[in-house]
Amino acid sequence: MLEADHQALLLRHRLMSSVPALRDRLMREERTNLDQLVNLLADRVGRSPDDFEVRLAAAAVNAAFAQAAQYWLDRDCAPQLPDLMELAMDRIKGVLAF
């Protein structure tokens, strides 16, 4: 990652975390992302988006990715985000068994 990109990303993160209107917008976007993930997962496993296990798995993936990203940003983009995402998925894979 270029240093300028790195600094811009960190600045954006600080703004989103500190400005209430931006934080609210982020929460709405996270909800939209979760709904999309539920629909994609339901389609993939052939179940209804209202299925509890589908919703639980989608929420677990969403939370794992969100925590990996937050951890990465809070530590100035280290370690590598793909490594954190992979670790997160390894830790929750039991929830994803259908």
N, C-alpha and C. Protein backbone atom coordinates (compact mmCIF):
# COMPACT_ATOMS: atom_id res chain seq x y z
N MET A 1 0.85 -1.18 0.00
CA MET A 1 0.00 0.00 0.00
C MET A 1 0.89 1.23 0.00
N LEU A 2 0.54 2.18 -0.84
CA LEU A 2 1.30 3.42 -0.89
C LEU A 2 1.09 4.20 0.40
N GLU A 3 2.12 4.92 0.82
CA GLU A 3 2.03 5.69 2.06
C GLU A 3 0.87 6.68 2.03
N ALA A 4 0.65 7.35 0.90
CA ALA A 4 -0.45 8.31 0.81
C ALA A 4 -1.80 7.61 0.99
N ASP A 5 -1.94 6.42 0.39
CA ASP A 5 -3.18 5.65 0.55
C ASP A 5 -3.35 5.22 2.01
N HIS A 6 -2.28 4.81 2.61
CA HIS A 6 -2.28 4.38 4.00
C HIS A 6 -2.75 5.52 4.90
N GLN A 7 -2.18 6.69 4.72
CA GLN A 7 -2.54 7.85 5.54
C GLN A 7 -4.00 8.26 5.29
N ALA A 8 -4.44 8.22 4.05
CA ALA A 8 -5.83 8.58 3.73
C ALA A 8 -6.80 7.59 4.38
N LEU A 9 -6.46 6.32 4.36
CA LEU A 9 -7.30 5.31 4.98
C LEU A 9 -7.40 5.52 6.48
N LEU A 10 -6.28 5.81 7.12
CA LEU A 10 -6.30 6.04 8.56
C LEU A 10 -7.09 7.30 8.91
N LEU A 11 -6.95 8.35 8.11
CA LEU A 11 -7.70 9.57 8.34
C LEU A 11 -9.20 9.32 8.19
N ARG A 12 -9.57 8.59 7.16
CA ARG A 12 -10.98 8.25 6.95
C ARG A 12 -11.52 7.46 8.13
N HIS A 13 -10.74 6.52 8.62
CA HIS A 13 -11.16 5.72 9.78
C HIS A 13 -11.36 6.61 11.00
N ARG A 14 -10.45 7.52 11.24
CA ARG A 14 -10.59 8.42 12.40
C ARG A 14 -11.83 9.30 12.27
N LEU A 15 -12.09 9.79 11.08
CA LEU A 15 -13.29 10.61 10.87
C LEU A 15 -14.56 9.80 11.08
N MET A 16 -14.61 8.62 10.50
CA MET A 16 -15.80 7.78 10.63
C MET A 16 -16.04 7.40 12.09
N SER A 17 -14.98 7.26 12.85
CA SER A 17 -15.11 6.88 14.26
C SER A 17 -15.50 8.04 15.15
N SER A 18 -15.15 9.25 14.75
CA SER A 18 -15.33 10.38 15.65
C SER A 18 -16.52 11.29 15.33
N VAL A 19 -17.04 11.23 14.14
CA VAL A 19 -18.16 12.09 13.74
C VAL A 19 -19.46 11.28 13.83
N PRO A 20 -20.37 11.66 14.73
CA PRO A 20 -21.59 10.86 14.93
C PRO A 20 -22.39 10.59 13.65
N ALA A 21 -22.56 11.57 12.80
CA ALA A 21 -23.33 11.36 11.57
C ALA A 21 -22.65 10.34 10.66
N LEU A 22 -21.34 10.38 10.59
CA LEU A 22 -20.61 9.41 9.77
C LEU A 22 -20.67 8.02 10.39
N ARG A 23 -20.59 7.97 11.71
CA ARG A 23 -20.68 6.69 12.41
C ARG A 23 -22.06 6.06 12.18
N ASP A 24 -23.11 6.89 12.23
CA ASP A 24 -24.46 6.39 11.97
C ASP A 24 -24.59 5.86 10.55
N ARG A 25 -24.02 6.57 9.61
CA ARG A 25 -24.05 6.15 8.21
C ARG A 25 -23.33 4.80 8.05
N LEU A 26 -22.21 4.67 8.72
CA LEU A 26 -21.46 3.41 8.68
C LEU A 26 -22.30 2.27 9.23
N MET A 27 -23.02 2.51 10.30
CA MET A 27 -23.87 1.47 10.88
C MET A 27 -24.97 1.05 9.89
N ARG A 28 -25.55 2.01 9.19
CA ARG A 28 -26.58 1.68 8.18
C ARG A 28 -25.97 0.86 7.04
N GLU A 29 -24.78 1.24 6.62
CA GLU A 29 -24.10 0.49 5.55
C GLU A 29 -23.77 -0.92 6.01
N GLU A 30 -23.37 -1.08 7.25
CA GLU A 30 -23.07 -2.41 7.77
C GLU A 30 -24.32 -3.28 7.77
N ARG A 31 -25.46 -2.69 8.09
CA ARG A 31 -26.72 -3.44 8.07
C ARG A 31 -27.07 -3.88 6.64
N THR A 32 -26.89 -2.97 5.70
CA THR A 32 -27.14 -3.29 4.29
C THR A 32 -26.22 -4.42 3.84
N ASN A 33 -24.95 -4.34 4.22
CA ASN A 33 -23.99 -5.39 3.87
C ASN A 33 -24.40 -6.73 4.47
N LEU A 34 -24.85 -6.71 5.71
CA LEU A 34 -25.29 -7.95 6.35
C LEU A 34 -26.49 -8.54 5.62
N ASP A 35 -27.46 -7.70 5.26
CA ASP A 35 -28.62 -8.19 4.53
C ASP A 35 -28.20 -8.82 3.19
N GLN A 36 -27.27 -8.20 2.50
CA GLN A 36 -26.79 -8.75 1.24
C GLN A 36 -26.07 -10.08 1.46
N LEU A 37 -25.28 -10.15 2.51
CA LEU A 37 -24.57 -11.40 2.81
C LEU A 37 -25.55 -12.51 3.16
N VAL A 38 -26.59 -12.19 3.91
CA VAL A 38 -27.62 -13.19 4.23
C VAL A 38 -28.24 -13.74 2.95
N ASN A 39 -28.60 -12.84 2.03
CA ASN A 39 -29.22 -13.28 0.78
C ASN A 39 -28.27 -14.13 -0.07
N LEU A 40 -27.01 -13.72 -0.15
CA LEU A 40 -26.03 -14.49 -0.92
C LEU A 40 -25.80 -15.88 -0.32
N LEU A 41 -25.66 -15.93 1.00
CA LEU A 41 -25.43 -17.20 1.67
C LEU A 41 -26.65 -18.11 1.54
N ALA A 42 -27.83 -17.55 1.72
CA ALA A 42 -29.05 -18.35 1.59
C ALA A 42 -29.16 -18.95 0.21
N ASP A 43 -28.88 -18.16 -0.80
CA ASP A 43 -28.92 -18.65 -2.17
C ASP A 43 -27.89 -19.76 -2.39
N ARG A 44 -26.73 -19.55 -1.83
CA ARG A 44 -25.62 -20.52 -2.02
C ARG A 44 -25.93 -21.87 -1.40
N VAL A 45 -26.56 -21.86 -0.21
CA VAL A 45 -26.83 -23.13 0.48
C VAL A 45 -28.25 -23.64 0.26
N GLY A 46 -29.04 -22.91 -0.53
CA GLY A 46 -30.38 -23.37 -0.86
C GLY A 46 -31.37 -23.28 0.28
N ARG A 47 -31.20 -22.27 1.10
CA ARG A 47 -32.13 -22.07 2.21
C ARG A 47 -32.74 -20.68 2.14
N SER A 48 -33.73 -20.48 2.97
CA SER A 48 -34.40 -19.19 3.03
C SER A 48 -33.52 -18.16 3.74
N PRO A 49 -33.58 -16.90 3.32
CA PRO A 49 -32.86 -15.85 4.05
C PRO A 49 -33.37 -15.68 5.49
N ASP A 50 -34.56 -16.21 5.77
CA ASP A 50 -35.11 -16.14 7.13
C ASP A 50 -34.63 -17.28 8.02
N ASP A 51 -33.92 -18.25 7.45
CA ASP A 51 -33.40 -19.39 8.21
C ASP A 51 -32.42 -18.88 9.28
N PHE A 52 -32.63 -19.30 10.51
CA PHE A 52 -31.79 -18.83 11.62
C PHE A 52 -30.31 -19.15 11.41
N GLU A 53 -30.02 -20.36 10.95
CA GLU A 53 -28.62 -20.74 10.77
C GLU A 53 -27.95 -19.91 9.67
N VAL A 54 -28.68 -19.58 8.64
CA VAL A 54 -28.15 -18.72 7.57
C VAL A 54 -27.84 -17.34 8.14
N ARG A 55 -28.80 -16.79 8.90
CA ARG A 55 -28.61 -15.46 9.48
C ARG A 55 -27.46 -15.47 10.49
N LEU A 56 -27.35 -16.54 11.27
CA LEU A 56 -26.27 -16.65 12.24
C LEU A 56 -24.91 -16.72 11.54
N ALA A 57 -24.81 -17.52 10.51
CA ALA A 57 -23.55 -17.65 9.77
C ALA A 57 -23.17 -16.32 9.13
N ALA A 58 -24.13 -15.64 8.51
CA ALA A 58 -23.85 -14.35 7.88
C ALA A 58 -23.40 -13.33 8.93
N ALA A 59 -24.06 -13.31 10.06
CA ALA A 59 -23.69 -12.38 11.13
C ALA A 59 -22.29 -12.69 11.66
N ALA A 60 -21.95 -13.96 11.76
CA ALA A 60 -20.62 -14.35 12.24
C ALA A 60 -19.54 -13.90 11.26
N VAL A 61 -19.77 -14.11 9.97
CA VAL A 61 -18.81 -13.68 8.95
C VAL A 61 -18.68 -12.17 8.97
N ASN A 62 -19.80 -11.49 9.02
CA ASN A 62 -19.79 -10.03 9.03
C ASN A 62 -19.03 -9.50 10.25
N ALA A 63 -19.30 -10.06 11.41
CA ALA A 63 -18.62 -9.63 12.63
C ALA A 63 -17.12 -9.95 12.59
N ALA A 64 -16.79 -11.11 12.07
CA ALA A 64 -15.37 -11.49 11.99
C ALA A 64 -14.60 -10.55 11.07
N PHE A 65 -15.19 -10.23 9.92
CA PHE A 65 -14.53 -9.31 9.00
C PHE A 65 -14.45 -7.90 9.58
N ALA A 66 -15.52 -7.46 10.24
CA ALA A 66 -15.52 -6.13 10.84
C ALA A 66 -14.45 -6.03 11.93
N GLN A 67 -14.33 -7.05 12.73
CA GLN A 67 -13.32 -7.02 13.80
C GLN A 67 -11.91 -7.09 13.23
N ALA A 68 -11.72 -7.88 12.20
CA ALA A 68 -10.40 -7.94 11.56
C ALA A 68 -10.03 -6.56 10.99
N ALA A 69 -10.97 -5.92 10.33
CA ALA A 69 -10.70 -4.59 9.76
C ALA A 69 -10.44 -3.57 10.86
N GLN A 70 -11.24 -3.62 11.92
CA GLN A 70 -11.04 -2.67 13.03
C GLN A 70 -9.68 -2.88 13.68
N TYR A 71 -9.32 -4.11 13.91
CA TYR A 71 -8.02 -4.43 14.51
C TYR A 71 -6.89 -3.90 13.63
N TRP A 72 -7.02 -4.13 12.34
CA TRP A 72 -6.02 -3.70 11.36
C TRP A 72 -5.89 -2.18 11.35
N LEU A 73 -7.01 -1.48 11.32
CA LEU A 73 -6.97 -0.02 11.32
C LEU A 73 -6.43 0.55 12.63
N ASP A 74 -6.82 -0.05 13.74
CA ASP A 74 -6.36 0.44 15.04
C ASP A 74 -4.86 0.26 15.22
N ARG A 75 -4.26 -0.60 14.43
CA ARG A 75 -2.81 -0.86 14.53
C ARG A 75 -2.07 -0.34 13.30
N ASP A 76 -2.60 0.72 12.72
CA ASP A 76 -1.97 1.37 11.56
C ASP A 76 -1.70 0.39 10.42
N CYS A 77 -2.69 -0.42 10.14
CA CYS A 77 -2.68 -1.33 8.98
C CYS A 77 -1.62 -2.43 9.08
N ALA A 78 -1.48 -2.96 10.25
CA ALA A 78 -0.58 -4.09 10.45
C ALA A 78 -1.22 -5.02 11.48
N PRO A 79 -1.08 -6.33 11.39
CA PRO A 79 -0.48 -7.07 10.28
C PRO A 79 -1.34 -6.95 9.02
N GLN A 80 -1.04 -7.76 8.04
CA GLN A 80 -1.74 -7.70 6.76
C GLN A 80 -3.22 -8.07 6.94
N LEU A 81 -4.09 -7.29 6.34
CA LEU A 81 -5.53 -7.53 6.46
C LEU A 81 -5.95 -8.91 5.95
N PRO A 82 -5.46 -9.37 4.79
CA PRO A 82 -5.85 -10.72 4.36
C PRO A 82 -5.49 -11.80 5.38
N ASP A 83 -4.37 -11.64 6.06
CA ASP A 83 -3.99 -12.62 7.09
C ASP A 83 -4.96 -12.60 8.25
N LEU A 84 -5.40 -11.40 8.65
CA LEU A 84 -6.37 -11.29 9.74
C LEU A 84 -7.72 -11.88 9.33
N MET A 85 -8.12 -11.63 8.09
CA MET A 85 -9.38 -12.18 7.59
C MET A 85 -9.35 -13.70 7.57
N GLU A 86 -8.23 -14.24 7.12
CA GLU A 86 -8.09 -15.69 7.09
C GLU A 86 -8.15 -16.27 8.50
N LEU A 87 -7.47 -15.64 9.44
CA LEU A 87 -7.50 -16.09 10.83
C LEU A 87 -8.94 -16.03 11.37
N ALA A 88 -9.62 -14.94 11.09
CA ALA A 88 -11.01 -14.79 11.55
C ALA A 88 -11.88 -15.91 11.01
N MET A 89 -11.75 -16.20 9.73
CA MET A 89 -12.56 -17.26 9.13
C MET A 89 -12.21 -18.64 9.71
N ASP A 90 -10.93 -18.87 9.97
CA ASP A 90 -10.53 -20.13 10.59
C ASP A 90 -11.19 -20.31 11.95
N ARG A 91 -11.32 -19.22 12.69
CA ARG A 91 -11.86 -19.29 14.05
C ARG A 91 -13.36 -19.52 14.07
N ILE A 92 -14.08 -19.08 13.03
CA ILE A 92 -15.54 -19.21 13.04
C ILE A 92 -16.06 -20.29 12.11
N LYS A 93 -15.19 -21.07 11.50
CA LYS A 93 -15.64 -22.01 10.47
C LYS A 93 -16.66 -23.02 10.99
N GLY A 94 -16.67 -23.34 12.27
CA GLY A 94 -17.66 -24.25 12.80
C GLY A 94 -19.07 -23.72 12.66
N VAL A 95 -19.25 -22.43 12.77
CA VAL A 95 -20.55 -21.80 12.63
C VAL A 95 -21.04 -21.89 11.19
N LEU A 96 -20.09 -22.03 10.26
CA LEU A 96 -20.43 -22.00 8.85
C LEU A 96 -20.77 -23.38 8.28
N ALA A 97 -20.70 -24.42 9.11
CA ALA A 97 -21.00 -25.78 8.63
C ALA A 97 -22.50 -25.95 8.49
N PHE A 98 -22.93 -26.28 7.28
CA PHE A 98 -24.37 -26.52 7.02
C PHE A 98 -24.60 -27.97 6.75
